[in-house]
Amino acid sequence: MLNYVTEVEKRNLLTRPFLSPRMSARAFFICVCDNRKKEGEGMNKTVLEQKQNIVSEIQGKFTNSGSTVVAEYRGLSVAEVTELRRSLRAEGVEMKVYKNTLASRAAEAAGFTELQEQLTGPNALAFGTDETTAARIMAQFAKKHKALILKGGIVEGKVVDQATIKELSNLPNREGMLSMFLSVLNAPISSFARAINAVAEQRGGAPAEGTTEETAAEAAA
């Protein structure tokens, strides 16, 4: 009804000093509708700002995270989702659920337009601080809960597919890889030290304290 009232009519009705009951009711109706229209415009602006803030938040996570894993959680119970979130959080991985439209806008803004193909259905996004932890935990959980389906994600600034995420899930985290590397470095020294001990024992003597380690270190050098 308000659409049929011109601005001139509004001004005339609202500025008249005396109005008939009918005209007063019409003026009151115009005031109410105008207020509601303004409130609606204010609400729309607030909602738009909230959406823009969420898009900026997702864009920042896409850009700054060591890795992002996209997984569909359709069929998981609330308890299972809580369990997954807790497992991820324990290793510094954050899991978030966003509307696909907002995540898609963020992916485009961050330069990961290829990721938009994965953003269909009910998705969870796992943001890790390194390249492997998020993939490893999500894959381990998916083995026990078939409803969780890995789709792909972002690793080292590139959009990757499901196969790459599964390959990464087989790798240890940074601490694990460092431990493996140190084991490889220390293995020859330890073997050489054991060999020296064996020779000394066969000769009926015992190597002096610290001699074995020093000799092994010198040999490795």
C-alpha atoms as a PDB file:
ATOM      1  CA  MET A   1       0.000   0.000   0.000  1.00  0.00           C
ATOM      2  CA  LEU A   2       2.861   2.369   0.790  1.00  0.00           C
ATOM      3  CA  ASN A   3       4.107   2.015  -2.779  1.00  0.00           C
ATOM      4  CA  TYR A   4       0.980   3.781  -4.016  1.00  0.00           C
ATOM      5  CA  VAL A   5       1.531   6.854  -1.794  1.00  0.00           C
ATOM      6  CA  THR A   6       3.625   9.533  -3.445  1.00  0.00           C
ATOM      7  CA  GLU A   7       6.166  11.656  -1.621  1.00  0.00           C
ATOM      8  CA  VAL A   8       3.934  14.707  -2.156  1.00  0.00           C
ATOM      9  CA  GLU A   9       0.993  12.952  -0.497  1.00  0.00           C
ATOM     10  CA  LYS A  10       3.181  11.949   2.428  1.00  0.00           C
ATOM     11  CA  ARG A  11       4.378  15.528   2.903  1.00  0.00           C
ATOM     12  CA  ASN A  12       0.858  16.961   2.662  1.00  0.00           C
ATOM     13  CA  LEU A  13      -0.570  14.432   5.093  1.00  0.00           C
ATOM     14  CA  LEU A  14       2.188  14.745   7.645  1.00  0.00           C
ATOM     15  CA  THR A  15       2.311  18.570   7.628  1.00  0.00           C
ATOM     16  CA  ARG A  16      -1.397  19.339   7.902  1.00  0.00           C
ATOM     17  CA  PRO A  17      -2.271  20.790  11.325  1.00  0.00           C
ATOM     18  CA  PHE A  18      -5.703  19.179  11.478  1.00  0.00           C
ATOM     19  CA  LEU A  19      -6.659  15.864   9.921  1.00  0.00           C
ATOM     20  CA  SER A  20      -9.879  13.939   9.800  1.00  0.00           C
ATOM     21  CA  PRO A  21      -9.914  10.555  11.579  1.00  0.00           C
ATOM     22  CA  ARG A  22      -9.554   8.824   8.243  1.00  0.00           C
ATOM     23  CA  MET A  23      -6.641  11.025   7.176  1.00  0.00           C
ATOM     24  CA  SER A  24      -5.021  10.678  10.583  1.00  0.00           C
ATOM     25  CA  ALA A  25      -5.134   6.914  10.285  1.00  0.00           C
ATOM     26  CA  ARG A  26      -3.607   7.142   6.830  1.00  0.00           C
ATOM     27  CA  ALA A  27      -0.826   9.428   8.093  1.00  0.00           C
ATOM     28  CA  PHE A  28      -0.139   7.046  10.978  1.00  0.00           C
ATOM     29  CA  PHE A  29       0.071   4.143   8.541  1.00  0.00           C
ATOM     30  CA  ILE A  30       2.575   6.041   6.407  1.00  0.00           C
ATOM     31  CA  CYS A  31       4.766   6.815   9.423  1.00  0.00           C
ATOM     32  CA  VAL A  32       4.761   3.188  10.547  1.00  0.00           C
ATOM     33  CA  CYS A  33       5.607   1.884   7.077  1.00  0.00           C
ATOM     34  CA  ASP A  34       8.397   4.440   6.650  1.00  0.00           C
ATOM     35  CA  ASN A  35       9.918   3.432   9.977  1.00  0.00           C
ATOM     36  CA  ARG A  36       9.740  -0.251   9.098  1.00  0.00           C
ATOM     37  CA  LYS A  37      11.327   0.424   5.723  1.00  0.00           C
ATOM     38  CA  LYS A  38      14.212   2.282   7.373  1.00  0.00           C
ATOM     39  CA  GLU A  39      14.628  -0.482   9.952  1.00  0.00           C
ATOM     40  CA  GLY A  40      14.706  -3.050   7.160  1.00  0.00           C
ATOM     41  CA  GLU A  41      17.365  -1.109   5.278  1.00  0.00           C
ATOM     42  CA  GLY A  42      19.439  -0.879   8.454  1.00  0.00           C
ATOM     43  CA  MET A  43      19.120  -4.601   9.094  1.00  0.00           C
ATOM     44  CA  ASN A  44      20.099  -5.418   5.500  1.00  0.00           C
ATOM     45  CA  LYS A  45      23.188  -3.232   5.823  1.00  0.00           C
ATOM     46  CA  THR A  46      24.154  -4.952   9.074  1.00  0.00           C
ATOM     47  CA  VAL A  47      23.693  -8.415   7.589  1.00  0.00           C
ATOM     48  CA  LEU A  48      25.778  -7.444   4.559  1.00  0.00           C
ATOM     49  CA  GLU A  49      28.594  -6.179   6.787  1.00  0.00           C
ATOM     50  CA  GLN A  50      28.505  -9.402   8.809  1.00  0.00           C
ATOM     51  CA  LYS A  51      28.800 -11.484   5.644  1.00  0.00           C
ATOM     52  CA  GLN A  52      31.694  -9.373   4.388  1.00  0.00           C
ATOM     53  CA  ASN A  53      33.488  -9.848   7.712  1.00  0.00           C
ATOM     54  CA  ILE A  54      33.025 -13.627   7.495  1.00  0.00           C
ATOM     55  CA  VAL A  55      34.355 -13.690   3.927  1.00  0.00           C
ATOM     56  CA  SER A  56      37.421 -11.728   5.046  1.00  0.00           C
ATOM     57  CA  GLU A  57      37.911 -14.161   7.934  1.00  0.00           C
ATOM     58  CA  ILE A  58      37.797 -17.207   5.656  1.00  0.00           C
ATOM     59  CA  GLN A  59      40.070 -15.539   3.114  1.00  0.00           C
ATOM     60  CA  GLY A  60      42.639 -14.912   5.836  1.00  0.00           C
ATOM     61  CA  LYS A  61      42.523 -18.552   6.953  1.00  0.00           C
ATOM     62  CA  PHE A  62      42.927 -19.790   3.364  1.00  0.00           C
ATOM     63  CA  THR A  63      45.965 -17.553   2.913  1.00  0.00           C
ATOM     64  CA  ASN A  64      47.692 -17.885   6.280  1.00  0.00           C
ATOM     65  CA  SER A  65      47.120 -21.540   7.202  1.00  0.00           C
ATOM     66  CA  GLY A  66      49.807 -24.130   6.528  1.00  0.00           C
ATOM     67  CA  SER A  67      47.122 -26.290   4.950  1.00  0.00           C
ATOM     68  CA  THR A  68      43.353 -26.454   4.516  1.00  0.00           C
ATOM     69  CA  VAL A  69      41.341 -29.651   4.207  1.00  0.00           C
ATOM     70  CA  VAL A  70      37.808 -29.707   2.813  1.00  0.00           C
ATOM     71  CA  ALA A  71      35.644 -32.630   3.944  1.00  0.00           C
ATOM     72  CA  GLU A  72      31.953 -33.435   3.686  1.00  0.00           C
ATOM     73  CA  TYR A  73      30.475 -34.425   7.036  1.00  0.00           C
ATOM     74  CA  ARG A  74      26.986 -35.427   5.909  1.00  0.00           C
ATOM     75  CA  GLY A  75      25.820 -38.326   8.087  1.00  0.00           C
ATOM     76  CA  LEU A  76      28.046 -37.628  11.085  1.00  0.00           C
ATOM     77  CA  SER A  77      26.233 -37.262  14.398  1.00  0.00           C
ATOM     78  CA  VAL A  78      26.679 -34.245  16.643  1.00  0.00           C
ATOM     79  CA  ALA A  79      28.755 -36.382  18.995  1.00  0.00           C
ATOM     80  CA  GLU A  80      31.019 -37.512  16.140  1.00  0.00           C
ATOM     81  CA  VAL A  81      31.530 -33.947  14.906  1.00  0.00           C
ATOM     82  CA  THR A  82      32.415 -32.921  18.458  1.00  0.00           C
ATOM     83  CA  GLU A  83      34.888 -35.795  18.691  1.00  0.00           C
ATOM     84  CA  LEU A  84      36.515 -34.798  15.394  1.00  0.00           C
ATOM     85  CA  ARG A  85      36.751 -31.169  16.430  1.00  0.00           C
ATOM     86  CA  ARG A  86      38.347 -32.168  19.731  1.00  0.00           C
ATOM     87  CA  SER A  87      40.916 -34.407  18.000  1.00  0.00           C
ATOM     88  CA  LEU A  88      41.886 -31.614  15.629  1.00  0.00           C
ATOM     89  CA  ARG A  89      42.097 -28.996  18.350  1.00  0.00           C
ATOM     90  CA  ALA A  90      44.435 -31.216  20.390  1.00  0.00           C
ATOM     91  CA  GLU A  91      47.046 -30.850  17.617  1.00  0.00           C
ATOM     92  CA  GLY A  92      46.494 -27.198  16.851  1.00  0.00           C
ATOM     93  CA  VAL A  93      44.061 -27.647  13.944  1.00  0.00           C
ATOM     94  CA  GLU A  94      40.924 -25.499  13.793  1.00  0.00           C
ATOM     95  CA  MET A  95      37.732 -26.830  12.213  1.00  0.00           C
ATOM     96  CA  LYS A  96      35.062 -24.423  11.012  1.00  0.00           C
ATOM     97  CA  VAL A  97      31.758 -24.763   9.182  1.00  0.00           C
ATOM     98  CA  TYR A  98      30.790 -21.918   6.847  1.00  0.00           C
ATOM     99  CA  LYS A  99      28.129 -21.371   4.227  1.00  0.00           C
ATOM    100  CA  ASN A 100      29.450 -22.532   0.870  1.00  0.00           C
ATOM    101  CA  THR A 101      28.533 -19.236  -0.786  1.00  0.00           C
ATOM    102  CA  LEU A 102      30.707 -17.288   1.659  1.00  0.00           C
ATOM    103  CA  ALA A 103      33.560 -19.796   1.482  1.00  0.00           C
ATOM    104  CA  SER A 104      33.379 -19.681  -2.317  1.00  0.00           C
ATOM    105  CA  ARG A 105      33.659 -15.880  -2.334  1.00  0.00           C
ATOM    106  CA  ALA A 106      36.610 -16.087   0.036  1.00  0.00           C
ATOM    107  CA  ALA A 107      38.325 -18.681  -2.160  1.00  0.00           C
ATOM    108  CA  GLU A 108      37.933 -16.424  -5.191  1.00  0.00           C
ATOM    109  CA  ALA A 109      39.222 -13.389  -3.275  1.00  0.00           C
ATOM    110  CA  ALA A 110      42.248 -15.377  -2.071  1.00  0.00           C
ATOM    111  CA  GLY A 111      43.061 -16.605  -5.584  1.00  0.00           C
ATOM    112  CA  PHE A 112      41.920 -20.220  -5.083  1.00  0.00           C
ATOM    113  CA  THR A 113      39.068 -20.333  -7.582  1.00  0.00           C
ATOM    114  CA  GLU A 114      39.663 -24.050  -8.233  1.00  0.00           C
ATOM    115  CA  LEU A 115      38.619 -24.751  -4.656  1.00  0.00           C
ATOM    116  CA  GLN A 116      35.066 -23.637  -5.463  1.00  0.00           C
ATOM    117  CA  GLU A 117      34.389 -27.001  -7.121  1.00  0.00           C
ATOM    118  CA  GLN A 118      34.881 -28.709  -3.754  1.00  0.00           C
ATOM    119  CA  LEU A 119      32.573 -26.332  -1.873  1.00  0.00           C
ATOM    120  CA  THR A 120      29.291 -28.180  -2.397  1.00  0.00           C
ATOM    121  CA  GLY A 121      27.219 -29.964   0.208  1.00  0.00           C
ATOM    122  CA  PRO A 122      27.703 -29.762   3.989  1.00  0.00           C
ATOM    123  CA  ASN A 123      31.436 -29.116   4.321  1.00  0.00           C
ATOM    124  CA  ALA A 124      33.832 -28.711   7.211  1.00  0.00           C
ATOM    125  CA  LEU A 125      37.091 -26.821   6.730  1.00  0.00           C
ATOM    126  CA  ALA A 126      40.138 -27.839   8.781  1.00  0.00           C
ATOM    127  CA  PHE A 127      42.911 -25.236   9.018  1.00  0.00           C
ATOM    128  CA  GLY A 128      46.327 -26.591  10.047  1.00  0.00           C
ATOM    129  CA  THR A 129      49.539 -24.848  11.007  1.00  0.00           C
ATOM    130  CA  ASP A 130      51.613 -27.226   8.851  1.00  0.00           C
ATOM    131  CA  GLU A 131      51.158 -29.221   5.664  1.00  0.00           C
ATOM    132  CA  THR A 132      50.284 -32.643   7.099  1.00  0.00           C
ATOM    133  CA  THR A 133      48.576 -32.565  10.503  1.00  0.00           C
ATOM    134  CA  ALA A 134      45.080 -31.596   9.358  1.00  0.00           C
ATOM    135  CA  ALA A 135      45.151 -34.193   6.564  1.00  0.00           C
ATOM    136  CA  ARG A 136      46.454 -36.911   8.886  1.00  0.00           C
ATOM    137  CA  ILE A 137      43.827 -36.424  11.585  1.00  0.00           C
ATOM    138  CA  MET A 138      40.957 -36.058   9.111  1.00  0.00           C
ATOM    139  CA  ALA A 139      42.044 -39.196   7.226  1.00  0.00           C
ATOM    140  CA  GLN A 140      42.394 -41.224  10.423  1.00  0.00           C
ATOM    141  CA  PHE A 141      38.919 -40.171  11.497  1.00  0.00           C
ATOM    142  CA  ALA A 142      37.503 -40.964   8.046  1.00  0.00           C
ATOM    143  CA  LYS A 143      38.809 -44.540   8.291  1.00  0.00           C
ATOM    144  CA  LYS A 144      36.663 -45.097  11.378  1.00  0.00           C
ATOM    145  CA  HIS A 145      33.715 -42.979  10.241  1.00  0.00           C
ATOM    146  CA  LYS A 146      32.891 -43.578   6.592  1.00  0.00           C
ATOM    147  CA  ALA A 147      30.443 -40.668   6.554  1.00  0.00           C
ATOM    148  CA  LEU A 148      33.368 -38.230   6.562  1.00  0.00           C
ATOM    149  CA  ILE A 149      34.537 -37.779   2.974  1.00  0.00           C
ATOM    150  CA  LEU A 150      37.782 -35.963   2.178  1.00  0.00           C
ATOM    151  CA  LYS A 151      37.482 -33.777  -0.914  1.00  0.00           C
ATOM    152  CA  GLY A 152      40.734 -31.850  -1.211  1.00  0.00           C
ATOM    153  CA  GLY A 153      42.069 -28.558   0.042  1.00  0.00           C
ATOM    154  CA  ILE A 154      44.967 -26.136  -0.091  1.00  0.00           C
ATOM    155  CA  VAL A 155      48.599 -27.046   0.589  1.00  0.00           C
ATOM    156  CA  GLU A 156      51.588 -24.714   0.134  1.00  0.00           C
ATOM    157  CA  GLY A 157      49.447 -22.163  -1.650  1.00  0.00           C
ATOM    158  CA  LYS A 158      48.033 -24.616  -4.202  1.00  0.00           C
ATOM    159  CA  VAL A 159      44.631 -26.267  -4.518  1.00  0.00           C
ATOM    160  CA  VAL A 160      45.006 -30.053  -4.234  1.00  0.00           C
ATOM    161  CA  ASP A 161      42.670 -32.980  -4.799  1.00  0.00           C
ATOM    162  CA  GLN A 162      41.535 -35.850  -2.606  1.00  0.00           C
ATOM    163  CA  ALA A 163      44.431 -38.114  -3.631  1.00  0.00           C
ATOM    164  CA  THR A 164      47.028 -35.545  -2.531  1.00  0.00           C
ATOM    165  CA  ILE A 165      45.336 -35.074   0.842  1.00  0.00           C
ATOM    166  CA  LYS A 166      45.393 -38.839   1.399  1.00  0.00           C
ATOM    167  CA  GLU A 167      49.084 -39.016   0.478  1.00  0.00           C
ATOM    168  CA  LEU A 168      49.872 -36.231   2.925  1.00  0.00           C
ATOM    169  CA  SER A 169      47.905 -38.031   5.632  1.00  0.00           C
ATOM    170  CA  ASN A 170      50.491 -40.826   5.589  1.00  0.00           C
ATOM    171  CA  LEU A 171      53.302 -38.443   6.501  1.00  0.00           C
ATOM    172  CA  PRO A 172      54.174 -37.565  10.111  1.00  0.00           C
ATOM    173  CA  ASN A 173      54.090 -34.010  11.384  1.00  0.00           C
ATOM    174  CA  ARG A 174      57.202 -31.806  11.519  1.00  0.00           C
ATOM    175  CA  GLU A 175      58.292 -33.188  14.880  1.00  0.00           C
ATOM    176  CA  GLY A 176      57.907 -36.736  13.632  1.00  0.00           C
ATOM    177  CA  MET A 177      59.892 -36.054  10.472  1.00  0.00           C
ATOM    178  CA  LEU A 178      62.644 -34.353  12.482  1.00  0.00           C
ATOM    179  CA  SER A 179      62.838 -37.350  14.794  1.00  0.00           C
ATOM    180  CA  MET A 180      63.108 -39.705  11.805  1.00  0.00           C
ATOM    181  CA  PHE A 181      65.844 -37.547  10.287  1.00  0.00           C
ATOM    182  CA  LEU A 182      67.850 -37.553  13.511  1.00  0.00           C
ATOM    183  CA  SER A 183      67.441 -41.320  13.780  1.00  0.00           C
ATOM    184  CA  VAL A 184      68.932 -41.729  10.318  1.00  0.00           C
ATOM    185  CA  LEU A 185      71.871 -39.488  11.238  1.00  0.00           C
ATOM    186  CA  ASN A 186      72.513 -41.247  14.532  1.00  0.00           C
ATOM    187  CA  ALA A 187      72.135 -44.798  13.223  1.00  0.00           C
ATOM    188  CA  PRO A 188      75.692 -45.151  11.726  1.00  0.00           C
ATOM    189  CA  ILE A 189      77.294 -43.675  14.873  1.00  0.00           C
ATOM    190  CA  SER A 190      75.379 -46.010  17.164  1.00  0.00           C
ATOM    191  CA  SER A 191      76.233 -49.043  15.041  1.00  0.00           C
ATOM    192  CA  PHE A 192      79.914 -48.116  14.978  1.00  0.00           C
ATOM    193  CA  ALA A 193      79.945 -47.599  18.742  1.00  0.00           C
ATOM    194  CA  ARG A 194      78.403 -51.024  19.307  1.00  0.00           C
ATOM    195  CA  ALA A 195      81.031 -52.580  17.031  1.00  0.00           C
ATOM    196  CA  ILE A 196      83.866 -50.984  19.050  1.00  0.00           C
ATOM    197  CA  ASN A 197      82.373 -52.297  22.280  1.00  0.00           C
ATOM    198  CA  ALA A 198      82.130 -55.794  20.825  1.00  0.00           C
ATOM    199  CA  VAL A 199      85.789 -55.769  19.747  1.00  0.00           C
ATOM    200  CA  ALA A 200      86.926 -54.507  23.140  1.00  0.00           C
ATOM    201  CA  GLU A 201      84.962 -57.218  24.932  1.00  0.00           C
ATOM    202  CA  GLN A 202      86.441 -59.927  22.710  1.00  0.00           C
ATOM    203  CA  ARG A 203      89.941 -58.723  23.641  1.00  0.00           C
ATOM    204  CA  GLY A 204      89.052 -58.965  27.289  1.00  0.00           C
ATOM    205  CA  GLY A 205      89.157 -55.263  27.962  1.00  0.00           C
ATOM    206  CA  ALA A 206      86.642 -52.516  28.436  1.00  0.00           C
ATOM    207  CA  PRO A 207      86.836 -49.234  26.574  1.00  0.00           C
ATOM    208  CA  ALA A 208      87.469 -46.176  28.675  1.00  0.00           C
ATOM    209  CA  GLU A 209      84.418 -44.122  29.631  1.00  0.00           C
ATOM    210  CA  GLY A 210      83.541 -41.755  26.827  1.00  0.00           C
ATOM    211  CA  THR A 211      86.043 -43.335  24.390  1.00  0.00           C
ATOM    212  CA  THR A 212      83.383 -45.136  22.372  1.00  0.00           C
ATOM    213  CA  GLU A 213      81.269 -42.061  21.819  1.00  0.00           C
ATOM    214  CA  GLU A 214      84.259 -39.887  20.985  1.00  0.00           C
ATOM    215  CA  THR A 215      85.679 -42.438  18.513  1.00  0.00           C
ATOM    216  CA  ALA A 216      82.305 -42.873  16.878  1.00  0.00           C
ATOM    217  CA  ALA A 217      81.838 -39.148  16.565  1.00  0.00           C
ATOM    218  CA  GLU A 218      85.314 -38.755  15.034  1.00  0.00           C
ATOM    219  CA  ALA A 219      84.597 -41.554  12.565  1.00  0.00           C
ATOM    220  CA  ALA A 220      81.301 -39.987  11.572  1.00  0.00           C
ATOM    221  CA  ALA A 221      83.021 -36.655  11.064  1.00  0.00           C
END
